[in-house]
Amino acid sequence: MDDTTQRVFKLAQECIEELKKKVEYIELLEQYIEELESGLEMPAVESVQLEQPLEMENEHGSSRPRAVRARPKTSDEDRTRRVNQDSVGVSNGDGGDPSTASSVDNSDAGWTLMAHPDQFFGDKTYAQHGDDIVIRAIFHSLGIGNPSYLDLGAHHPENISNTKLFYDTGSRGINVEANPELHKLFLEQRPQDINLNVGVGIKSGFQDFYMIDSQSGRNSFIKEVAEGFVMDYPEFAITETRQLPIFTVDQILKHRLTPDFLTIDIEGMDYIVLESIDYRLHPFKVICVELQPYSEEDIRSLMYNVGYYAIIRCGSNLIFVDKNLAHRVR
């Protein structure tokens, strides 16, 4: 066999191997679609609807919450009592004698908080900007105790999570995380949720996933976004590229009730995915959107046009409420 024939033969073998990989990818994608369309049932935890929003009464009998003085951060041991499925434990608000703490029992809402009398929603937060406490307050105003959720780009089951606090207090939902390493943590730490190891896009298929590292929240399906992060922070680099499955929101929610709460942080794909959702089919009540790398005006305009009012900005996130419900929050 001469050199030319050997080179052609080697190239043919390489092409065959690549085709085999594509076939494996297609089979895996079909398996994912089959699992989704078979209708994996949502966990048997539905939204708890309150007959009316609960009054927030402070120690002086007033229904208007009082301002609480800022205080230094305490240790996790001092700050957090053991969390179980029905309660979130936190330290007493003024850091003094534990006997000064009171139990705010909102059992109708699925909440039993041990906190300072003036901290109606407790002082525990997992979210980057305290978004989860703000969103709890919004759902409280809507009369919903345990909102279900769809967390797109869930990242981590606890760190910088917009849904962990809800999980702790009895809510259940769907976490969608493309990073296989982080998905494993959801299986371990959020076993009562539905945890999907896929990306989210406007059409299904496979797409390159650019990874800064196995735990980074800056991994992205958009190369320019990952490269832009590396350019801004030269101490980081794109260390790996994987081809991972992509699903649409319609596929993820097929045969399922629309969750009450959508939170989305998918590193540069947020706008096009939000634009692709049929909100008549999936009428989320509250939506939390990461602004970066978009302008606030672009996101506000998009969400207003599909029927959502911006209620508040928390750091880099904007929180929206269905326009038909917004009067109960404003």
C-alpha atoms as a PDB file:
ATOM      1  CA  MET A   1       0.000   0.000   0.000  1.00  0.00           C
ATOM      2  CA  ASP A   2       1.585   3.275  -1.123  1.00  0.00           C
ATOM      3  CA  ASP A   3       1.651   6.474   0.955  1.00  0.00           C
ATOM      4  CA  THR A   4      -1.309   8.071  -0.803  1.00  0.00           C
ATOM      5  CA  THR A   5      -3.494   5.017  -0.273  1.00  0.00           C
ATOM      6  CA  GLN A   6      -2.478   4.844   3.382  1.00  0.00           C
ATOM      7  CA  ARG A   7      -3.392   8.491   3.903  1.00  0.00           C
ATOM      8  CA  VAL A   8      -6.788   7.977   2.220  1.00  0.00           C
ATOM      9  CA  PHE A   9      -7.370   4.832   4.280  1.00  0.00           C
ATOM     10  CA  LYS A  10      -6.484   6.640   7.522  1.00  0.00           C
ATOM     11  CA  LEU A  11      -8.761   9.561   6.618  1.00  0.00           C
ATOM     12  CA  ALA A  12     -11.588   7.138   5.849  1.00  0.00           C
ATOM     13  CA  GLN A  13     -11.142   5.484   9.257  1.00  0.00           C
ATOM     14  CA  GLU A  14     -11.243   8.860  10.985  1.00  0.00           C
ATOM     15  CA  CYS A  15     -14.446   9.758   9.121  1.00  0.00           C
ATOM     16  CA  ILE A  16     -16.023   6.446  10.157  1.00  0.00           C
ATOM     17  CA  GLU A  17     -15.142   7.114  13.811  1.00  0.00           C
ATOM     18  CA  GLU A  18     -16.660  10.578  13.612  1.00  0.00           C
ATOM     19  CA  LEU A  19     -19.824   9.151  12.054  1.00  0.00           C
ATOM     20  CA  LYS A  20     -20.047   6.593  14.847  1.00  0.00           C
ATOM     21  CA  LYS A  21     -19.888   9.425  17.398  1.00  0.00           C
ATOM     22  CA  LYS A  22     -22.655  11.307  15.580  1.00  0.00           C
ATOM     23  CA  VAL A  23     -24.808   8.172  15.576  1.00  0.00           C
ATOM     24  CA  GLU A  24     -24.230   7.816  19.322  1.00  0.00           C
ATOM     25  CA  TYR A  25     -25.183  11.478  19.812  1.00  0.00           C
ATOM     26  CA  ILE A  26     -28.381  11.007  17.800  1.00  0.00           C
ATOM     27  CA  GLU A  27     -29.296   7.889  19.788  1.00  0.00           C
ATOM     28  CA  LEU A  28     -28.679   9.763  23.035  1.00  0.00           C
ATOM     29  CA  LEU A  29     -30.800  12.680  21.861  1.00  0.00           C
ATOM     30  CA  GLU A  30     -33.632  10.317  20.910  1.00  0.00           C
ATOM     31  CA  GLN A  31     -33.368   8.753  24.358  1.00  0.00           C
ATOM     32  CA  TYR A  32     -33.644  12.154  26.031  1.00  0.00           C
ATOM     33  CA  ILE A  33     -36.643  13.081  23.885  1.00  0.00           C
ATOM     34  CA  GLU A  34     -38.315   9.748  24.654  1.00  0.00           C
ATOM     35  CA  GLU A  35     -37.793  10.282  28.374  1.00  0.00           C
ATOM     36  CA  LEU A  36     -39.211  13.786  28.211  1.00  0.00           C
ATOM     37  CA  GLU A  37     -42.180  12.907  26.043  1.00  0.00           C
ATOM     38  CA  SER A  38     -42.998   9.857  28.143  1.00  0.00           C
ATOM     39  CA  GLY A  39     -44.120  12.458  30.652  1.00  0.00           C
ATOM     40  CA  LEU A  40     -41.916  12.110  33.693  1.00  0.00           C
ATOM     41  CA  GLU A  41     -44.482  13.322  36.195  1.00  0.00           C
ATOM     42  CA  MET A  42     -43.881  16.460  38.203  1.00  0.00           C
ATOM     43  CA  PRO A  43     -43.289  15.627  41.871  1.00  0.00           C
ATOM     44  CA  ALA A  44     -46.532  15.478  43.817  1.00  0.00           C
ATOM     45  CA  VAL A  45     -46.071  18.915  45.348  1.00  0.00           C
ATOM     46  CA  GLU A  46     -48.392  21.516  43.890  1.00  0.00           C
ATOM     47  CA  SER A  47     -48.615  25.215  44.593  1.00  0.00           C
ATOM     48  CA  VAL A  48     -50.280  25.925  47.912  1.00  0.00           C
ATOM     49  CA  GLN A  49     -52.939  28.548  47.257  1.00  0.00           C
ATOM     50  CA  LEU A  50     -53.824  30.770  50.188  1.00  0.00           C
ATOM     51  CA  GLU A  51     -57.354  32.058  50.615  1.00  0.00           C
ATOM     52  CA  GLN A  52     -55.852  35.511  51.109  1.00  0.00           C
ATOM     53  CA  PRO A  53     -52.367  36.935  51.567  1.00  0.00           C
ATOM     54  CA  LEU A  54     -51.195  36.726  55.156  1.00  0.00           C
ATOM     55  CA  GLU A  55     -50.792  39.935  57.144  1.00  0.00           C
ATOM     56  CA  MET A  56     -47.269  40.783  58.272  1.00  0.00           C
ATOM     57  CA  GLU A  57     -47.784  41.913  61.854  1.00  0.00           C
ATOM     58  CA  ASN A  58     -44.868  43.180  63.912  1.00  0.00           C
ATOM     59  CA  GLU A  59     -44.447  43.203  67.673  1.00  0.00           C
ATOM     60  CA  HIS A  60     -46.345  46.490  67.974  1.00  0.00           C
ATOM     61  CA  GLY A  61     -49.439  45.098  66.286  1.00  0.00           C
ATOM     62  CA  SER A  62     -48.955  47.053  63.085  1.00  0.00           C
ATOM     63  CA  SER A  63     -49.376  45.277  59.748  1.00  0.00           C
ATOM     64  CA  ARG A  64     -46.642  47.436  58.195  1.00  0.00           C
ATOM     65  CA  PRO A  65     -43.210  45.816  58.444  1.00  0.00           C
ATOM     66  CA  ARG A  66     -40.653  47.827  60.407  1.00  0.00           C
ATOM     67  CA  ALA A  67     -37.160  48.488  59.126  1.00  0.00           C
ATOM     68  CA  VAL A  68     -34.549  46.196  60.661  1.00  0.00           C
ATOM     69  CA  ARG A  69     -31.083  47.589  61.430  1.00  0.00           C
ATOM     70  CA  ALA A  70     -28.288  46.032  59.386  1.00  0.00           C
ATOM     71  CA  ARG A  71     -26.058  43.700  61.408  1.00  0.00           C
ATOM     72  CA  PRO A  72     -22.730  41.931  60.860  1.00  0.00           C
ATOM     73  CA  LYS A  73     -22.762  38.504  59.279  1.00  0.00           C
ATOM     74  CA  THR A  74     -22.603  35.632  61.751  1.00  0.00           C
ATOM     75  CA  SER A  75     -21.241  32.149  61.280  1.00  0.00           C
ATOM     76  CA  ASP A  76     -23.321  29.505  59.518  1.00  0.00           C
ATOM     77  CA  GLU A  77     -23.642  27.649  62.814  1.00  0.00           C
ATOM     78  CA  ASP A  78     -25.000  30.729  64.602  1.00  0.00           C
ATOM     79  CA  ARG A  79     -27.034  31.894  61.651  1.00  0.00           C
ATOM     80  CA  THR A  80     -28.792  28.744  60.556  1.00  0.00           C
ATOM     81  CA  ARG A  81     -30.801  26.202  62.438  1.00  0.00           C
ATOM     82  CA  ARG A  82     -31.326  22.838  60.837  1.00  0.00           C
ATOM     83  CA  VAL A  83     -33.356  23.039  57.629  1.00  0.00           C
ATOM     84  CA  ASN A  84     -35.989  20.428  56.933  1.00  0.00           C
ATOM     85  CA  GLN A  85     -38.584  20.097  54.242  1.00  0.00           C
ATOM     86  CA  ASP A  86     -41.197  22.099  56.128  1.00  0.00           C
ATOM     87  CA  SER A  87     -39.117  24.799  57.791  1.00  0.00           C
ATOM     88  CA  VAL A  88     -36.197  27.117  57.331  1.00  0.00           C
ATOM     89  CA  GLY A  89     -34.300  27.846  60.545  1.00  0.00           C
ATOM     90  CA  VAL A  90     -32.410  31.069  61.036  1.00  0.00           C
ATOM     91  CA  SER A  91     -30.805  32.926  63.896  1.00  0.00           C
ATOM     92  CA  ASN A  92     -32.755  35.459  65.900  1.00  0.00           C
ATOM     93  CA  GLY A  93     -32.505  38.778  64.118  1.00  0.00           C
ATOM     94  CA  ASP A  94     -30.622  40.802  66.728  1.00  0.00           C
ATOM     95  CA  GLY A  95     -28.001  38.182  67.562  1.00  0.00           C
ATOM     96  CA  GLY A  96     -29.042  38.220  71.249  1.00  0.00           C
ATOM     97  CA  ASP A  97     -30.714  35.733  73.553  1.00  0.00           C
ATOM     98  CA  PRO A  98     -32.391  32.961  71.506  1.00  0.00           C
ATOM     99  CA  SER A  99     -35.438  33.333  73.724  1.00  0.00           C
ATOM    100  CA  THR A 100     -36.150  36.649  71.965  1.00  0.00           C
ATOM    101  CA  ALA A 101     -36.783  34.756  68.708  1.00  0.00           C
ATOM    102  CA  SER A 102     -40.369  33.921  67.851  1.00  0.00           C
ATOM    103  CA  SER A 103     -41.998  31.323  65.643  1.00  0.00           C
ATOM    104  CA  VAL A 104     -43.913  32.752  62.704  1.00  0.00           C
ATOM    105  CA  ASP A 105     -46.127  29.826  61.758  1.00  0.00           C
ATOM    106  CA  ASN A 106     -47.655  30.222  58.323  1.00  0.00           C
ATOM    107  CA  SER A 107     -48.659  26.588  58.027  1.00  0.00           C
ATOM    108  CA  ASP A 108     -51.228  27.358  55.345  1.00  0.00           C
ATOM    109  CA  ALA A 109     -48.381  28.616  53.209  1.00  0.00           C
ATOM    110  CA  GLY A 110     -46.070  25.719  53.937  1.00  0.00           C
ATOM    111  CA  TRP A 111     -43.747  28.034  55.906  1.00  0.00           C
ATOM    112  CA  THR A 112     -42.641  27.656  59.505  1.00  0.00           C
ATOM    113  CA  LEU A 113     -39.907  30.185  60.172  1.00  0.00           C
ATOM    114  CA  MET A 114     -37.893  30.633  63.350  1.00  0.00           C
ATOM    115  CA  ALA A 115     -36.785  34.247  63.121  1.00  0.00           C
ATOM    116  CA  HIS A 116     -36.865  37.664  64.712  1.00  0.00           C
ATOM    117  CA  PRO A 117     -40.501  38.844  65.011  1.00  0.00           C
ATOM    118  CA  ASP A 118     -39.954  41.469  62.328  1.00  0.00           C
ATOM    119  CA  GLN A 119     -38.370  39.077  59.815  1.00  0.00           C
ATOM    120  CA  PHE A 120     -41.480  37.619  58.275  1.00  0.00           C
ATOM    121  CA  PHE A 121     -39.564  35.696  55.587  1.00  0.00           C
ATOM    122  CA  GLY A 122     -36.555  34.850  57.747  1.00  0.00           C
ATOM    123  CA  ASP A 123     -32.959  35.900  57.111  1.00  0.00           C
ATOM    124  CA  LYS A 124     -31.794  32.920  55.071  1.00  0.00           C
ATOM    125  CA  THR A 125     -30.953  33.473  51.415  1.00  0.00           C
ATOM    126  CA  TYR A 126     -29.072  31.401  48.851  1.00  0.00           C
ATOM    127  CA  ALA A 127     -29.497  33.740  45.873  1.00  0.00           C
ATOM    128  CA  GLN A 128     -26.802  36.114  44.658  1.00  0.00           C
ATOM    129  CA  HIS A 129     -28.684  39.293  45.542  1.00  0.00           C
ATOM    130  CA  GLY A 130     -31.282  38.061  48.019  1.00  0.00           C
ATOM    131  CA  ASP A 131     -33.608  37.498  45.060  1.00  0.00           C
ATOM    132  CA  ASP A 132     -35.193  34.424  46.669  1.00  0.00           C
ATOM    133  CA  ILE A 133     -36.511  36.414  49.649  1.00  0.00           C
ATOM    134  CA  VAL A 134     -37.923  39.078  47.305  1.00  0.00           C
ATOM    135  CA  ILE A 135     -39.602  36.385  45.211  1.00  0.00           C
ATOM    136  CA  ARG A 136     -41.045  34.777  48.361  1.00  0.00           C
ATOM    137  CA  ALA A 137     -42.571  38.144  49.224  1.00  0.00           C
ATOM    138  CA  ILE A 138     -44.063  38.416  45.723  1.00  0.00           C
ATOM    139  CA  PHE A 139     -45.634  34.960  45.902  1.00  0.00           C
ATOM    140  CA  HIS A 140     -46.902  35.802  49.384  1.00  0.00           C
ATOM    141  CA  SER A 141     -48.707  38.800  47.862  1.00  0.00           C
ATOM    142  CA  LEU A 142     -50.134  36.483  45.198  1.00  0.00           C
ATOM    143  CA  GLY A 143     -51.410  34.103  47.891  1.00  0.00           C
ATOM    144  CA  ILE A 144     -49.150  31.223  46.831  1.00  0.00           C
ATOM    145  CA  GLY A 145     -47.293  29.407  49.580  1.00  0.00           C
ATOM    146  CA  ASN A 146     -45.254  26.749  47.758  1.00  0.00           C
ATOM    147  CA  PRO A 147     -44.641  27.883  44.179  1.00  0.00           C
ATOM    148  CA  SER A 148     -43.404  25.299  41.705  1.00  0.00           C
ATOM    149  CA  TYR A 149     -40.402  26.323  39.599  1.00  0.00           C
ATOM    150  CA  LEU A 150     -38.430  25.871  36.401  1.00  0.00           C
ATOM    151  CA  ASP A 151     -34.755  26.766  36.887  1.00  0.00           C
ATOM    152  CA  LEU A 152     -33.000  27.139  33.524  1.00  0.00           C
ATOM    153  CA  GLY A 153     -29.235  27.230  33.944  1.00  0.00           C
ATOM    154  CA  ALA A 154     -29.654  26.058  37.522  1.00  0.00           C
ATOM    155  CA  HIS A 155     -25.845  25.862  38.000  1.00  0.00           C
ATOM    156  CA  HIS A 156     -25.645  24.527  41.576  1.00  0.00           C
ATOM    157  CA  PRO A 157     -28.244  23.036  43.947  1.00  0.00           C
ATOM    158  CA  GLU A 158     -27.353  25.529  46.698  1.00  0.00           C
ATOM    159  CA  ASN A 159     -24.674  28.089  45.778  1.00  0.00           C
ATOM    160  CA  ILE A 160     -26.115  31.256  44.190  1.00  0.00           C
ATOM    161  CA  SER A 161     -29.430  29.421  43.735  1.00  0.00           C
ATOM    162  CA  ASN A 162     -32.772  31.157  43.198  1.00  0.00           C
ATOM    163  CA  THR A 163     -34.731  27.976  44.012  1.00  0.00           C
ATOM    164  CA  LYS A 164     -32.942  26.280  46.945  1.00  0.00           C
ATOM    165  CA  LEU A 165     -34.871  28.310  49.541  1.00  0.00           C
ATOM    166  CA  PHE A 166     -38.143  27.214  47.937  1.00  0.00           C
ATOM    167  CA  TYR A 167     -36.996  23.586  47.918  1.00  0.00           C
ATOM    168  CA  ASP A 168     -36.191  23.826  51.636  1.00  0.00           C
ATOM    169  CA  THR A 169     -39.701  25.066  52.376  1.00  0.00           C
ATOM    170  CA  GLY A 170     -41.495  22.335  50.438  1.00  0.00           C
ATOM    171  CA  SER A 171     -41.655  23.569  46.837  1.00  0.00           C
ATOM    172  CA  ARG A 172     -40.640  21.259  44.014  1.00  0.00           C
ATOM    173  CA  GLY A 173     -39.773  21.831  40.370  1.00  0.00           C
ATOM    174  CA  ILE A 174     -37.445  21.238  37.436  1.00  0.00           C
ATOM    175  CA  ASN A 175     -33.742  22.078  37.373  1.00  0.00           C
ATOM    176  CA  VAL A 176     -32.064  22.230  33.965  1.00  0.00           C
ATOM    177  CA  GLU A 177     -28.250  22.222  34.002  1.00  0.00           C
ATOM    178  CA  ALA A 178     -26.060  21.426  30.996  1.00  0.00           C
ATOM    179  CA  ASN A 179     -22.836  20.818  32.935  1.00  0.00           C
ATOM    180  CA  PRO A 180     -22.684  17.047  33.659  1.00  0.00           C
ATOM    181  CA  GLU A 181     -20.523  17.591  36.758  1.00  0.00           C
ATOM    182  CA  LEU A 182     -22.944  20.054  38.347  1.00  0.00           C
ATOM    183  CA  HIS A 183     -25.941  17.943  37.317  1.00  0.00           C
ATOM    184  CA  LYS A 184     -24.609  15.145  39.525  1.00  0.00           C
ATOM    185  CA  LEU A 185     -24.872  17.465  42.525  1.00  0.00           C
ATOM    186  CA  PHE A 186     -28.552  18.085  41.810  1.00  0.00           C
ATOM    187  CA  LEU A 187     -29.215  14.346  41.763  1.00  0.00           C
ATOM    188  CA  GLU A 188     -27.554  14.084  45.169  1.00  0.00           C
ATOM    189  CA  GLN A 189     -28.850  17.221  46.874  1.00  0.00           C
ATOM    190  CA  ARG A 190     -32.226  17.853  45.209  1.00  0.00           C
ATOM    191  CA  PRO A 191     -33.557  14.288  44.742  1.00  0.00           C
ATOM    192  CA  GLN A 192     -37.225  15.298  44.935  1.00  0.00           C
ATOM    193  CA  ASP A 193     -36.881  17.690  41.994  1.00  0.00           C
ATOM    194  CA  ILE A 194     -36.748  16.691  38.329  1.00  0.00           C
ATOM    195  CA  ASN A 195     -33.130  17.279  37.291  1.00  0.00           C
ATOM    196  CA  LEU A 196     -32.299  17.382  33.569  1.00  0.00           C
ATOM    197  CA  ASN A 197     -28.758  17.300  32.188  1.00  0.00           C
ATOM    198  CA  VAL A 198     -29.425  19.297  29.002  1.00  0.00           C
ATOM    199  CA  GLY A 199     -28.959  22.777  27.630  1.00  0.00           C
ATOM    200  CA  VAL A 200     -31.800  25.101  26.643  1.00  0.00           C
ATOM    201  CA  GLY A 201     -32.194  26.660  23.211  1.00  0.00           C
ATOM    202  CA  ILE A 202     -34.661  27.551  20.487  1.00  0.00           C
ATOM    203  CA  LYS A 203     -34.329  24.218  18.699  1.00  0.00           C
ATOM    204  CA  SER A 204     -33.264  20.757  19.817  1.00  0.00           C
ATOM    205  CA  GLY A 205     -30.010  19.133  18.776  1.00  0.00           C
ATOM    206  CA  PHE A 206     -26.393  19.092  19.902  1.00  0.00           C
ATOM    207  CA  GLN A 207     -24.213  22.128  20.398  1.00  0.00           C
ATOM    208  CA  ASP A 208     -20.678  22.894  21.549  1.00  0.00           C
ATOM    209  CA  PHE A 209     -20.478  23.811  25.244  1.00  0.00           C
ATOM    210  CA  TYR A 210     -17.466  25.972  26.112  1.00  0.00           C
ATOM    211  CA  MET A 211     -16.225  25.211  29.611  1.00  0.00           C
ATOM    212  CA  ILE A 212     -14.061  27.456  31.749  1.00  0.00           C
ATOM    213  CA  ASP A 213     -13.881  24.651  34.298  1.00  0.00           C
ATOM    214  CA  SER A 214     -16.098  21.898  35.689  1.00  0.00           C
ATOM    215  CA  GLN A 215     -17.765  24.164  38.273  1.00  0.00           C
ATOM    216  CA  SER A 216     -17.869  27.568  36.589  1.00  0.00           C
ATOM    217  CA  GLY A 217     -21.079  29.504  36.209  1.00  0.00           C
ATOM    218  CA  ARG A 218     -19.570  31.148  33.112  1.00  0.00           C
ATOM    219  CA  ASN A 219     -19.577  28.026  30.923  1.00  0.00           C
ATOM    220  CA  SER A 220     -21.634  28.797  27.829  1.00  0.00           C
ATOM    221  CA  PHE A 221     -23.001  27.422  24.575  1.00  0.00           C
ATOM    222  CA  ILE A 222     -22.015  30.726  22.966  1.00  0.00           C
ATOM    223  CA  LYS A 223     -18.313  30.870  22.184  1.00  0.00           C
ATOM    224  CA  GLU A 224     -18.212  34.676  22.138  1.00  0.00           C
ATOM    225  CA  VAL A 225     -19.663  34.831  25.656  1.00  0.00           C
ATOM    226  CA  ALA A 226     -17.066  32.411  27.048  1.00  0.00           C
ATOM    227  CA  GLU A 227     -14.268  34.194  25.172  1.00  0.00           C
ATOM    228  CA  GLY A 228     -15.506  37.559  26.423  1.00  0.00           C
ATOM    229  CA  PHE A 229     -15.316  36.350  30.011  1.00  0.00           C
ATOM    230  CA  VAL A 230     -11.774  35.088  29.476  1.00  0.00           C
ATOM    231  CA  MET A 231     -10.812  38.399  27.892  1.00  0.00           C
ATOM    232  CA  ASP A 232     -12.125  40.290  30.924  1.00  0.00           C
ATOM    233  CA  TYR A 233     -10.500  37.843  33.353  1.00  0.00           C
ATOM    234  CA  PRO A 234      -7.234  36.611  31.787  1.00  0.00           C
ATOM    235  CA  GLU A 235      -6.526  34.320  34.716  1.00  0.00           C
ATOM    236  CA  PHE A 236      -9.232  32.040  33.290  1.00  0.00           C
ATOM    237  CA  ALA A 237      -9.314  30.100  30.017  1.00  0.00           C
ATOM    238  CA  ILE A 238     -11.618  27.863  28.018  1.00  0.00           C
ATOM    239  CA  THR A 239     -10.303  24.475  29.102  1.00  0.00           C
ATOM    240  CA  GLU A 240     -12.686  22.110  27.333  1.00  0.00           C
ATOM    241  CA  THR A 241     -15.378  21.964  24.668  1.00  0.00           C
ATOM    242  CA  ARG A 242     -18.095  19.311  24.825  1.00  0.00           C
ATOM    243  CA  GLN A 243     -21.022  18.582  22.542  1.00  0.00           C
ATOM    244  CA  LEU A 244     -24.146  18.466  24.700  1.00  0.00           C
ATOM    245  CA  PRO A 245     -27.867  18.024  23.979  1.00  0.00           C
ATOM    246  CA  ILE A 246     -30.133  21.079  23.664  1.00  0.00           C
ATOM    247  CA  PHE A 247     -33.871  21.136  24.346  1.00  0.00           C
ATOM    248  CA  THR A 248     -36.532  23.801  23.945  1.00  0.00           C
ATOM    249  CA  VAL A 249     -38.715  24.989  26.817  1.00  0.00           C
ATOM    250  CA  ASP A 250     -41.725  23.433  25.054  1.00  0.00           C
ATOM    251  CA  GLN A 251     -39.988  20.037  25.072  1.00  0.00           C
ATOM    252  CA  ILE A 252     -39.016  20.335  28.721  1.00  0.00           C
ATOM    253  CA  LEU A 253     -42.580  21.220  29.769  1.00  0.00           C
ATOM    254  CA  LYS A 254     -44.395  18.820  27.447  1.00  0.00           C
ATOM    255  CA  HIS A 255     -47.027  16.826  29.417  1.00  0.00           C
ATOM    256  CA  ARG A 256     -46.363  18.974  32.496  1.00  0.00           C
ATOM    257  CA  LEU A 257     -48.188  21.793  34.203  1.00  0.00           C
ATOM    258  CA  THR A 258     -46.513  25.158  33.790  1.00  0.00           C
ATOM    259  CA  PRO A 259     -44.568  25.991  36.962  1.00  0.00           C
ATOM    260  CA  ASP A 260     -45.432  29.178  38.852  1.00  0.00           C
ATOM    261  CA  PHE A 261     -41.893  30.534  38.749  1.00  0.00           C
ATOM    262  CA  LEU A 262     -39.351  30.677  35.919  1.00  0.00           C
ATOM    263  CA  THR A 263     -35.774  31.688  36.656  1.00  0.00           C
ATOM    264  CA  ILE A 264     -33.343  31.852  33.751  1.00  0.00           C
ATOM    265  CA  ASP A 265     -29.581  32.376  33.658  1.00  0.00           C
ATOM    266  CA  ILE A 266     -28.113  30.667  30.590  1.00  0.00           C
ATOM    267  CA  GLU A 267     -25.079  32.799  29.781  1.00  0.00           C
ATOM    268  CA  GLY A 268     -25.973  34.729  26.677  1.00  0.00           C
ATOM    269  CA  MET A 269     -28.916  32.656  25.412  1.00  0.00           C
ATOM    270  CA  ASP A 270     -31.500  34.161  27.764  1.00  0.00           C
ATOM    271  CA  TYR A 271     -33.014  36.645  25.312  1.00  0.00           C
ATOM    272  CA  ILE A 272     -33.585  34.249  22.418  1.00  0.00           C
ATOM    273  CA  VAL A 273     -35.008  31.564  24.703  1.00  0.00           C
ATOM    274  CA  LEU A 274     -37.368  34.023  26.429  1.00  0.00           C
ATOM    275  CA  GLU A 275     -38.414  35.261  22.989  1.00  0.00           C
ATOM    276  CA  SER A 276     -39.147  31.689  21.837  1.00  0.00           C
ATOM    277  CA  ILE A 277     -41.541  30.762  24.682  1.00  0.00           C
ATOM    278  CA  ASP A 278     -45.291  30.606  24.001  1.00  0.00           C
ATOM    279  CA  TYR A 279     -46.559  32.368  27.126  1.00  0.00           C
ATOM    280  CA  ARG A 280     -50.169  31.543  26.322  1.00  0.00           C
ATOM    281  CA  LEU A 281     -49.199  27.883  26.616  1.00  0.00           C
ATOM    282  CA  HIS A 282     -46.835  28.471  29.549  1.00  0.00           C
ATOM    283  CA  PRO A 283     -48.208  31.338  31.681  1.00  0.00           C
ATOM    284  CA  PHE A 284     -45.556  31.633  34.373  1.00  0.00           C
ATOM    285  CA  LYS A 285     -46.657  33.902  37.201  1.00  0.00           C
ATOM    286  CA  VAL A 286     -43.215  35.257  38.130  1.00  0.00           C
ATOM    287  CA  ILE A 287     -40.044  35.347  36.003  1.00  0.00           C
ATOM    288  CA  CYS A 288     -36.503  36.205  37.095  1.00  0.00           C
ATOM    289  CA  VAL A 289     -34.111  37.105  34.256  1.00  0.00           C
ATOM    290  CA  GLU A 290     -30.373  37.753  34.343  1.00  0.00           C
ATOM    291  CA  LEU A 291     -29.637  40.919  32.401  1.00  0.00           C
ATOM    292  CA  GLN A 292     -26.041  40.260  31.364  1.00  0.00           C
ATOM    293  CA  PRO A 293     -25.010  40.663  28.573  1.00  0.00           C
ATOM    294  CA  TYR A 294     -28.166  42.528  27.516  1.00  0.00           C
ATOM    295  CA  SER A 295     -29.336  46.020  28.270  1.00  0.00           C
ATOM    296  CA  GLU A 296     -32.078  46.447  30.852  1.00  0.00           C
ATOM    297  CA  GLU A 297     -34.198  48.238  28.249  1.00  0.00           C
ATOM    298  CA  ASP A 298     -34.031  45.266  25.851  1.00  0.00           C
ATOM    299  CA  ILE A 299     -35.183  42.784  28.495  1.00  0.00           C
ATOM    300  CA  ARG A 300     -37.895  45.092  29.837  1.00  0.00           C
ATOM    301  CA  SER A 301     -39.223  45.673  26.322  1.00  0.00           C
ATOM    302  CA  LEU A 302     -39.236  41.977  25.441  1.00  0.00           C
ATOM    303  CA  MET A 303     -41.037  40.947  28.628  1.00  0.00           C
ATOM    304  CA  TYR A 304     -43.527  43.819  28.440  1.00  0.00           C
ATOM    305  CA  ASN A 305     -44.458  42.758  24.906  1.00  0.00           C
ATOM    306  CA  VAL A 306     -45.205  39.200  26.076  1.00  0.00           C
ATOM    307  CA  GLY A 307     -47.297  40.362  29.025  1.00  0.00           C
ATOM    308  CA  TYR A 308     -45.013  40.861  32.030  1.00  0.00           C
ATOM    309  CA  TYR A 309     -44.353  43.927  34.182  1.00  0.00           C
ATOM    310  CA  ALA A 310     -40.978  44.553  35.797  1.00  0.00           C
ATOM    311  CA  ILE A 311     -41.455  44.704  39.569  1.00  0.00           C
ATOM    312  CA  ILE A 312     -37.945  45.094  40.934  1.00  0.00           C
ATOM    313  CA  ARG A 313     -34.290  44.811  40.007  1.00  0.00           C
ATOM    314  CA  CYS A 314     -32.046  42.733  42.298  1.00  0.00           C
ATOM    315  CA  GLY A 315     -28.421  43.255  41.313  1.00  0.00           C
ATOM    316  CA  SER A 316     -28.022  41.856  37.800  1.00  0.00           C
ATOM    317  CA  ASN A 317     -31.494  40.275  37.784  1.00  0.00           C
ATOM    318  CA  LEU A 318     -34.896  41.713  36.846  1.00  0.00           C
ATOM    319  CA  ILE A 319     -38.021  40.178  38.365  1.00  0.00           C
ATOM    320  CA  PHE A 320     -41.264  40.248  36.368  1.00  0.00           C
ATOM    321  CA  VAL A 321     -44.867  39.421  37.221  1.00  0.00           C
ATOM    322  CA  ASP A 322     -47.693  38.455  34.862  1.00  0.00           C
ATOM    323  CA  LYS A 323     -49.488  41.721  34.033  1.00  0.00           C
ATOM    324  CA  ASN A 324     -52.807  40.172  35.099  1.00  0.00           C
ATOM    325  CA  LEU A 325     -51.406  39.622  38.603  1.00  0.00           C
ATOM    326  CA  ALA A 326     -49.165  42.672  38.965  1.00  0.00           C
ATOM    327  CA  HIS A 327     -51.848  44.780  40.702  1.00  0.00           C
ATOM    328  CA  ARG A 328     -51.650  42.386  43.658  1.00  0.00           C
ATOM    329  CA  VAL A 329     -47.939  43.072  44.064  1.00  0.00           C
ATOM    330  CA  ARG A 330     -47.632  46.795  43.313  1.00  0.00           C
END
